[in-house]
Amino acid sequence: MTGPVARGTPLFALLLSCATCGPEPDVPMDFCTTLRQDDRPALRDAVNEYLSGLSARETLSARLERLRQWIAAQPCVTAAELDPTLLDTEPPIQQVRVRVEGEDTARSLGIVLDPDRLRSNLR
């Protein structure tokens, strides 16, 4: 059989068979989903994945600003600001204050300023 119906049938059958398919198990949830669900391990992984892609040649302040901009660009985020003071720990921790659309309070994401790399301290 030829014609539009015959060519479209396999595609339709494929779409119908995947109507109840869920996300792939190894595909990470997006940033906004993890933030809204307060899924701290997944949020930590998402932030760390972004941080690992930043060039170590950039200054610390440039990398932190790029992180802030990346967070602020997320569709669920209305504002992201770097806290002006560091937490006095060893190594120090930079807090990023995040305002999520539809929420009254800001969330705080801690970034450990290791000499070798930046990483999230969410647990």
N, C-alpha and C. Protein backbone atom coordinates (compact mmCIF):
# COMPACT_ATOMS: atom_id res chain seq x y z
N MET A 1 0.85 -1.17 0.00
CA MET A 1 0.00 0.00 0.00
C MET A 1 0.90 1.23 0.00
N THR A 2 0.54 2.20 -0.80
CA THR A 2 1.30 3.45 -0.87
C THR A 2 0.34 4.59 -0.63
N GLY A 3 0.88 5.76 -0.51
CA GLY A 3 0.05 6.93 -0.29
C GLY A 3 0.29 7.49 1.09
N PRO A 4 -0.35 8.63 1.41
CA PRO A 4 -0.10 9.31 2.67
C PRO A 4 -0.49 8.49 3.90
N VAL A 5 -1.55 7.71 3.81
CA VAL A 5 -1.98 6.93 4.97
C VAL A 5 -0.96 5.87 5.31
N ALA A 6 -0.47 5.17 4.30
CA ALA A 6 0.49 4.09 4.54
C ALA A 6 1.80 4.65 5.09
N ARG A 7 2.26 5.77 4.55
CA ARG A 7 3.52 6.36 5.04
C ARG A 7 3.34 6.92 6.45
N GLY A 8 2.19 7.48 6.77
CA GLY A 8 1.96 8.09 8.07
C GLY A 8 1.63 7.09 9.16
N THR A 9 1.19 5.91 8.80
CA THR A 9 0.77 4.92 9.79
C THR A 9 1.88 4.53 10.75
N PRO A 10 3.08 4.19 10.29
CA PRO A 10 4.13 3.82 11.24
C PRO A 10 4.47 4.94 12.22
N LEU A 11 4.51 6.18 11.74
CA LEU A 11 4.80 7.30 12.63
C LEU A 11 3.70 7.44 13.67
N PHE A 12 2.43 7.35 13.23
CA PHE A 12 1.31 7.45 14.15
C PHE A 12 1.38 6.33 15.19
N ALA A 13 1.67 5.12 14.73
CA ALA A 13 1.77 3.98 15.65
C ALA A 13 2.90 4.20 16.65
N LEU A 14 4.01 4.76 16.18
CA LEU A 14 5.12 5.04 17.08
C LEU A 14 4.73 6.07 18.13
N LEU A 15 4.07 7.14 17.69
CA LEU A 15 3.64 8.16 18.63
C LEU A 15 2.63 7.62 19.63
N LEU A 16 1.71 6.78 19.16
CA LEU A 16 0.70 6.19 20.02
C LEU A 16 1.34 5.25 21.03
N SER A 17 2.33 4.48 20.59
CA SER A 17 2.95 3.54 21.51
C SER A 17 3.79 4.25 22.57
N CYS A 18 4.23 5.48 22.30
CA CYS A 18 5.04 6.21 23.27
C CYS A 18 4.24 7.27 24.01
N ALA A 19 2.93 7.24 23.88
CA ALA A 19 2.10 8.24 24.55
C ALA A 19 2.27 8.20 26.06
N THR A 20 2.59 7.03 26.60
CA THR A 20 2.76 6.92 28.05
C THR A 20 4.23 6.77 28.44
N CYS A 21 5.12 6.94 27.47
CA CYS A 21 6.55 6.82 27.79
C CYS A 21 6.95 7.93 28.74
N GLY A 22 7.75 7.61 29.72
CA GLY A 22 8.28 8.60 30.64
C GLY A 22 9.64 9.06 30.18
N PRO A 23 10.28 9.95 30.94
CA PRO A 23 11.60 10.40 30.56
C PRO A 23 12.61 9.26 30.70
N GLU A 24 13.65 9.35 29.92
CA GLU A 24 14.71 8.34 30.02
C GLU A 24 15.28 8.37 31.44
N PRO A 25 15.56 7.23 32.04
CA PRO A 25 16.01 7.21 33.42
C PRO A 25 17.35 7.90 33.65
N ASP A 26 18.22 7.94 32.63
CA ASP A 26 19.52 8.56 32.84
C ASP A 26 19.57 10.02 32.40
N VAL A 27 18.43 10.59 31.97
CA VAL A 27 18.38 11.99 31.59
C VAL A 27 18.09 12.81 32.85
N PRO A 28 19.00 13.73 33.22
CA PRO A 28 18.76 14.50 34.45
C PRO A 28 17.58 15.44 34.30
N MET A 29 16.91 15.70 35.42
CA MET A 29 15.81 16.66 35.41
C MET A 29 16.39 18.05 35.13
N ASP A 30 15.57 18.93 34.59
CA ASP A 30 16.08 20.26 34.32
C ASP A 30 16.22 21.05 35.62
N PHE A 31 16.93 22.15 35.53
CA PHE A 31 17.27 22.97 36.70
C PHE A 31 16.02 23.42 37.45
N CYS A 32 15.02 23.92 36.72
CA CYS A 32 13.81 24.44 37.38
C CYS A 32 13.04 23.34 38.11
N THR A 33 12.96 22.17 37.52
CA THR A 33 12.26 21.07 38.18
C THR A 33 12.97 20.71 39.48
N THR A 34 14.28 20.59 39.43
CA THR A 34 15.03 20.24 40.64
C THR A 34 14.92 21.33 41.69
N LEU A 35 14.93 22.58 41.25
CA LEU A 35 14.82 23.70 42.19
C LEU A 35 13.45 23.72 42.85
N ARG A 36 12.39 23.59 42.07
CA ARG A 36 11.03 23.63 42.62
C ARG A 36 10.74 22.44 43.54
N GLN A 37 11.29 21.29 43.20
CA GLN A 37 11.08 20.09 44.01
C GLN A 37 12.06 19.99 45.17
N ASP A 38 12.97 20.94 45.25
CA ASP A 38 14.02 20.94 46.27
C ASP A 38 14.77 19.60 46.28
N ASP A 39 15.03 19.10 45.08
CA ASP A 39 15.79 17.86 44.91
C ASP A 39 17.27 18.23 44.97
N ARG A 40 17.79 18.31 46.19
CA ARG A 40 19.13 18.83 46.40
C ARG A 40 20.23 18.02 45.71
N PRO A 41 20.20 16.69 45.72
CA PRO A 41 21.25 15.96 44.99
C PRO A 41 21.22 16.26 43.48
N ALA A 42 20.03 16.31 42.88
CA ALA A 42 19.93 16.60 41.45
C ALA A 42 20.32 18.04 41.16
N LEU A 43 19.95 18.97 42.05
CA LEU A 43 20.32 20.37 41.88
C LEU A 43 21.84 20.53 42.00
N ARG A 44 22.43 19.85 42.98
CA ARG A 44 23.89 19.87 43.14
C ARG A 44 24.57 19.36 41.86
N ASP A 45 24.05 18.26 41.32
CA ASP A 45 24.64 17.70 40.10
C ASP A 45 24.53 18.67 38.93
N ALA A 46 23.37 19.32 38.79
CA ALA A 46 23.18 20.28 37.69
C ALA A 46 24.14 21.46 37.82
N VAL A 47 24.27 21.98 39.03
CA VAL A 47 25.18 23.11 39.25
C VAL A 47 26.62 22.68 39.03
N ASN A 48 26.99 21.52 39.56
CA ASN A 48 28.36 21.04 39.38
C ASN A 48 28.69 20.76 37.91
N GLU A 49 27.70 20.26 37.17
CA GLU A 49 27.93 20.03 35.74
C GLU A 49 28.21 21.34 35.03
N TYR A 50 27.44 22.38 35.37
CA TYR A 50 27.69 23.69 34.76
C TYR A 50 29.07 24.20 35.16
N LEU A 51 29.38 24.12 36.45
CA LEU A 51 30.67 24.63 36.93
C LEU A 51 31.84 23.91 36.28
N SER A 52 31.70 22.61 36.03
CA SER A 52 32.80 21.85 35.44
C SER A 52 33.10 22.29 34.02
N GLY A 53 32.15 22.93 33.37
CA GLY A 53 32.36 23.40 32.00
C GLY A 53 33.00 24.77 31.92
N LEU A 54 33.18 25.44 33.06
CA LEU A 54 33.80 26.77 33.05
C LEU A 54 35.32 26.64 32.98
N SER A 55 35.93 27.56 32.32
CA SER A 55 37.38 27.53 32.15
C SER A 55 38.08 27.93 33.44
N ALA A 56 39.06 27.12 33.84
CA ALA A 56 39.85 27.43 35.03
C ALA A 56 40.75 28.64 34.77
N ARG A 57 40.88 29.04 33.53
CA ARG A 57 41.70 30.22 33.19
C ARG A 57 41.00 31.52 33.56
N GLU A 58 39.67 31.44 33.69
CA GLU A 58 38.92 32.64 34.09
C GLU A 58 39.16 32.90 35.58
N THR A 59 39.03 34.15 35.97
CA THR A 59 39.17 34.49 37.38
C THR A 59 38.01 33.88 38.16
N LEU A 60 38.21 33.74 39.45
CA LEU A 60 37.16 33.23 40.33
C LEU A 60 35.91 34.08 40.22
N SER A 61 36.08 35.40 40.27
CA SER A 61 34.91 36.28 40.20
C SER A 61 34.20 36.17 38.85
N ALA A 62 34.95 35.96 37.76
CA ALA A 62 34.32 35.80 36.44
C ALA A 62 33.52 34.51 36.39
N ARG A 63 34.04 33.42 36.96
CA ARG A 63 33.30 32.15 36.96
C ARG A 63 32.05 32.26 37.82
N LEU A 64 32.15 32.91 38.96
CA LEU A 64 30.97 33.09 39.82
C LEU A 64 29.91 33.94 39.11
N GLU A 65 30.35 34.97 38.40
CA GLU A 65 29.41 35.81 37.67
C GLU A 65 28.74 35.02 36.54
N ARG A 66 29.49 34.17 35.85
CA ARG A 66 28.90 33.33 34.81
C ARG A 66 27.88 32.37 35.40
N LEU A 67 28.18 31.81 36.58
CA LEU A 67 27.22 30.94 37.27
C LEU A 67 25.96 31.72 37.61
N ARG A 68 26.13 32.92 38.16
CA ARG A 68 24.98 33.75 38.52
C ARG A 68 24.13 34.03 37.29
N GLN A 69 24.76 34.37 36.17
CA GLN A 69 24.04 34.66 34.94
C GLN A 69 23.30 33.42 34.43
N TRP A 70 23.94 32.25 34.52
CA TRP A 70 23.31 31.01 34.08
C TRP A 70 22.06 30.71 34.91
N ILE A 71 22.18 30.88 36.23
CA ILE A 71 21.04 30.64 37.11
C ILE A 71 19.93 31.65 36.80
N ALA A 72 20.29 32.93 36.66
CA ALA A 72 19.31 33.99 36.39
C ALA A 72 18.59 33.76 35.06
N ALA A 73 19.23 33.09 34.11
CA ALA A 73 18.63 32.85 32.80
C ALA A 73 17.63 31.69 32.80
N GLN A 74 17.54 30.95 33.89
CA GLN A 74 16.61 29.83 33.95
C GLN A 74 15.18 30.38 33.95
N PRO A 75 14.25 29.74 33.25
CA PRO A 75 12.90 30.31 33.09
C PRO A 75 12.12 30.47 34.39
N CYS A 76 12.44 29.73 35.43
CA CYS A 76 11.70 29.82 36.69
C CYS A 76 12.32 30.82 37.66
N VAL A 77 13.47 31.38 37.33
CA VAL A 77 14.20 32.26 38.24
C VAL A 77 13.90 33.71 37.90
N THR A 78 13.50 34.48 38.92
CA THR A 78 13.24 35.90 38.71
C THR A 78 14.44 36.76 39.08
N ALA A 79 15.34 36.23 39.91
CA ALA A 79 16.56 36.96 40.28
C ALA A 79 17.58 35.99 40.86
N ALA A 80 18.85 36.30 40.62
CA ALA A 80 19.96 35.54 41.21
C ALA A 80 21.05 36.55 41.55
N GLU A 81 21.48 36.52 42.80
CA GLU A 81 22.48 37.49 43.27
C GLU A 81 23.55 36.78 44.07
N LEU A 82 24.79 37.23 43.89
CA LEU A 82 25.89 36.73 44.71
C LEU A 82 25.87 37.48 46.03
N ASP A 83 25.91 36.76 47.13
CA ASP A 83 25.96 37.38 48.44
C ASP A 83 27.26 38.17 48.53
N PRO A 84 27.24 39.39 49.05
CA PRO A 84 28.47 40.20 49.08
C PRO A 84 29.55 39.67 50.03
N THR A 85 29.17 38.81 50.96
CA THR A 85 30.18 38.27 51.89
C THR A 85 30.28 36.76 51.71
N LEU A 86 31.47 36.25 51.99
CA LEU A 86 31.70 34.80 51.94
C LEU A 86 31.45 34.21 53.31
N LEU A 87 31.00 32.96 53.36
CA LEU A 87 30.90 32.25 54.63
C LEU A 87 32.31 31.91 55.08
N ASP A 88 32.59 32.16 56.33
CA ASP A 88 33.94 31.96 56.87
C ASP A 88 34.16 30.49 57.20
N THR A 89 34.44 29.71 56.17
CA THR A 89 34.72 28.29 56.33
C THR A 89 36.03 28.01 55.60
N GLU A 90 36.51 26.80 55.71
CA GLU A 90 37.72 26.42 54.99
C GLU A 90 37.42 25.24 54.09
N PRO A 91 37.38 25.36 52.79
CA PRO A 91 37.48 26.60 52.01
C PRO A 91 36.22 27.45 52.15
N PRO A 92 36.31 28.71 51.80
CA PRO A 92 35.15 29.60 51.94
C PRO A 92 34.00 29.19 51.00
N ILE A 93 32.81 29.64 51.36
CA ILE A 93 31.61 29.34 50.57
C ILE A 93 30.95 30.64 50.13
N GLN A 94 30.67 30.72 48.83
CA GLN A 94 29.94 31.85 48.25
C GLN A 94 28.47 31.45 48.16
N GLN A 95 27.59 32.27 48.69
CA GLN A 95 26.16 32.01 48.60
C GLN A 95 25.58 32.71 47.38
N VAL A 96 24.72 32.00 46.66
CA VAL A 96 23.98 32.59 45.55
C VAL A 96 22.52 32.60 45.98
N ARG A 97 21.94 33.77 46.10
CA ARG A 97 20.53 33.91 46.48
C ARG A 97 19.69 33.84 45.22
N VAL A 98 18.71 32.93 45.23
CA VAL A 98 17.88 32.68 44.04
C VAL A 98 16.43 32.91 44.40
N ARG A 99 15.78 33.75 43.61
CA ARG A 99 14.34 33.95 43.75
C ARG A 99 13.64 33.18 42.65
N VAL A 100 12.69 32.33 43.07
CA VAL A 100 11.96 31.48 42.14
C VAL A 100 10.58 32.08 41.90
N GLU A 101 10.17 32.08 40.65
CA GLU A 101 8.86 32.61 40.27
C GLU A 101 7.77 31.95 41.10
N GLY A 102 6.90 32.76 41.70
CA GLY A 102 5.77 32.24 42.47
C GLY A 102 6.09 31.92 43.92
N GLU A 103 7.32 32.16 44.36
CA GLU A 103 7.70 31.90 45.75
C GLU A 103 8.06 33.21 46.43
N ASP A 104 7.72 33.32 47.72
CA ASP A 104 7.96 34.56 48.45
C ASP A 104 9.39 34.70 48.99
N THR A 105 10.03 33.59 49.27
CA THR A 105 11.36 33.66 49.87
C THR A 105 12.44 33.25 48.88
N ALA A 106 13.63 33.78 49.12
CA ALA A 106 14.78 33.43 48.27
C ALA A 106 15.39 32.13 48.78
N ARG A 107 15.94 31.38 47.87
CA ARG A 107 16.69 30.18 48.22
C ARG A 107 18.16 30.52 48.15
N SER A 108 18.95 29.72 48.84
CA SER A 108 20.38 29.96 48.86
C SER A 108 21.12 28.72 48.37
N LEU A 109 21.99 28.91 47.40
CA LEU A 109 22.84 27.84 46.89
C LEU A 109 24.26 28.15 47.29
N GLY A 110 24.92 27.23 47.97
CA GLY A 110 26.29 27.45 48.39
C GLY A 110 27.28 26.89 47.38
N ILE A 111 28.30 27.68 47.08
CA ILE A 111 29.35 27.26 46.16
C ILE A 111 30.67 27.26 46.92
N VAL A 112 31.28 26.08 47.02
CA VAL A 112 32.55 25.94 47.74
C VAL A 112 33.66 26.44 46.82
N LEU A 113 34.47 27.34 47.35
CA LEU A 113 35.55 27.94 46.58
C LEU A 113 36.84 27.18 46.84
N ASP A 114 36.89 25.93 46.39
CA ASP A 114 38.12 25.14 46.49
C ASP A 114 39.19 25.79 45.63
N PRO A 115 40.46 25.67 46.04
CA PRO A 115 41.52 26.23 45.21
C PRO A 115 41.56 25.60 43.81
N ASP A 116 41.22 24.32 43.70
CA ASP A 116 41.29 23.62 42.42
C ASP A 116 40.05 23.79 41.56
N ARG A 117 38.87 23.93 42.18
CA ARG A 117 37.63 24.00 41.41
C ARG A 117 36.51 24.55 42.27
N LEU A 118 35.48 25.03 41.59
CA LEU A 118 34.25 25.44 42.27
C LEU A 118 33.33 24.24 42.30
N ARG A 119 32.55 24.10 43.39
CA ARG A 119 31.58 23.02 43.46
C ARG A 119 30.45 23.40 44.40
N SER A 120 29.30 22.82 44.16
CA SER A 120 28.13 23.08 45.00
C SER A 120 28.26 22.31 46.31
N ASN A 121 27.77 22.89 47.39
CA ASN A 121 27.80 22.19 48.67
C ASN A 121 26.43 21.66 49.08
N LEU A 122 25.48 21.62 48.14
CA LEU A 122 24.15 21.09 48.45
C LEU A 122 24.24 19.61 48.76
N ARG A 123 23.52 19.20 49.78
CA ARG A 123 23.49 17.77 50.15
C ARG A 123 22.06 17.30 50.20
